[in-house]
Amino acid sequence: MRESVLPADHEELGQSLNNLAALYNDRKQYDKAQPLYERALQLRRKVRKKVLNGLGRCHTKRGVAASILLLV
């Protein structure tokens, strides 16, 4: 349902895919769970990358040294 409403890279879609995969996993339907977990992970990586890129731009504009960011 969410796939028809949300953009393909929306964070909430990833959470829904993860929840559905967990349901299949609990029911021992691993063949259905695995591809959903993989899609959810792929979406999380995209979202995380966007957040980190935005954070990096923010710090760059504020003049924060890149070496400080590596400590986080």
Protein backbone atom coordinates (compact mmCIF):
# COMPACT_ATOMS: atom_id res chain seq x y z
CA MET A 1 0.00 0.00 0.00
CA ARG A 2 2.69 2.50 0.96
CA GLU A 3 4.61 1.70 -2.21
CA SER A 4 1.75 3.13 -4.25
CA VAL A 5 1.62 6.34 -2.19
CA LEU A 6 5.18 7.12 -1.10
CA PRO A 7 8.23 7.84 -3.24
CA ALA A 8 10.44 4.80 -3.84
CA ASP A 9 13.18 6.14 -1.53
CA HIS A 10 10.96 7.32 1.33
CA GLU A 11 12.17 6.43 4.82
CA GLU A 12 8.75 5.24 5.98
CA LEU A 13 8.57 2.79 3.08
CA GLY A 14 11.79 1.23 4.34
CA GLN A 15 10.30 0.83 7.80
CA SER A 16 7.19 -0.79 6.36
CA LEU A 17 9.28 -3.22 4.33
CA ASN A 18 11.29 -4.06 7.43
CA ASN A 19 8.12 -4.66 9.45
CA LEU A 20 6.68 -6.93 6.79
CA ALA A 21 9.97 -8.83 6.58
CA ALA A 22 9.93 -9.29 10.37
CA LEU A 23 6.43 -10.73 10.14
CA TYR A 24 7.53 -13.23 7.49
CA ASN A 25 10.61 -14.01 9.55
CA ASP A 26 8.50 -14.73 12.64
CA ARG A 27 6.36 -17.08 10.54
CA LYS A 28 9.54 -18.82 9.33
CA GLN A 29 8.87 -17.71 5.75
CA TYR A 30 12.48 -16.77 5.21
CA ASP A 31 12.27 -16.84 1.42
CA LYS A 32 9.77 -13.96 1.61
CA ALA A 33 11.55 -12.12 4.42
CA GLN A 34 15.02 -11.88 2.91
CA PRO A 35 14.26 -9.75 -0.17
CA LEU A 36 12.20 -7.36 1.94
CA TYR A 37 14.99 -7.00 4.51
CA GLU A 38 17.42 -6.31 1.65
CA ARG A 39 15.17 -3.62 0.17
CA ALA A 40 14.67 -2.04 3.59
CA LEU A 41 18.42 -1.98 4.18
CA GLN A 42 19.03 -0.45 0.76
CA LEU A 43 16.52 2.32 1.53
CA ARG A 44 18.06 2.98 4.93
CA ARG A 45 21.47 3.37 3.34
CA LYS A 46 20.08 5.90 0.85
CA VAL A 47 18.31 7.87 3.58
CA ARG A 48 21.38 7.79 5.82
CA LYS A 49 23.56 8.99 2.97
CA LYS A 50 21.20 11.91 2.33
CA VAL A 51 21.24 12.83 6.02
CA LEU A 52 25.02 12.60 6.25
CA ASN A 53 25.45 14.63 3.06
CA GLY A 54 23.15 17.30 4.45
CA LEU A 55 24.99 17.29 7.76
CA GLY A 56 28.30 17.61 5.93
CA ARG A 57 27.06 20.61 3.93
CA CYS A 58 25.79 22.23 7.11
CA HIS A 59 29.14 21.79 8.85
CA THR A 60 31.03 23.01 5.79
CA LYS A 61 28.97 26.18 5.71
CA ARG A 62 29.58 26.69 9.42
CA GLY A 63 33.34 26.11 8.97
CA VAL A 64 33.59 22.95 11.03
CA ALA A 65 36.72 20.99 10.17
CA ALA A 66 36.22 17.61 8.51
CA SER A 67 38.59 15.98 11.00
CA ILE A 68 36.20 16.81 13.83
CA LEU A 69 33.35 15.07 11.99
CA LEU A 70 35.37 11.87 11.83
CA LEU A 71 35.40 11.67 15.62
CA VAL A 72 31.61 11.35 15.79
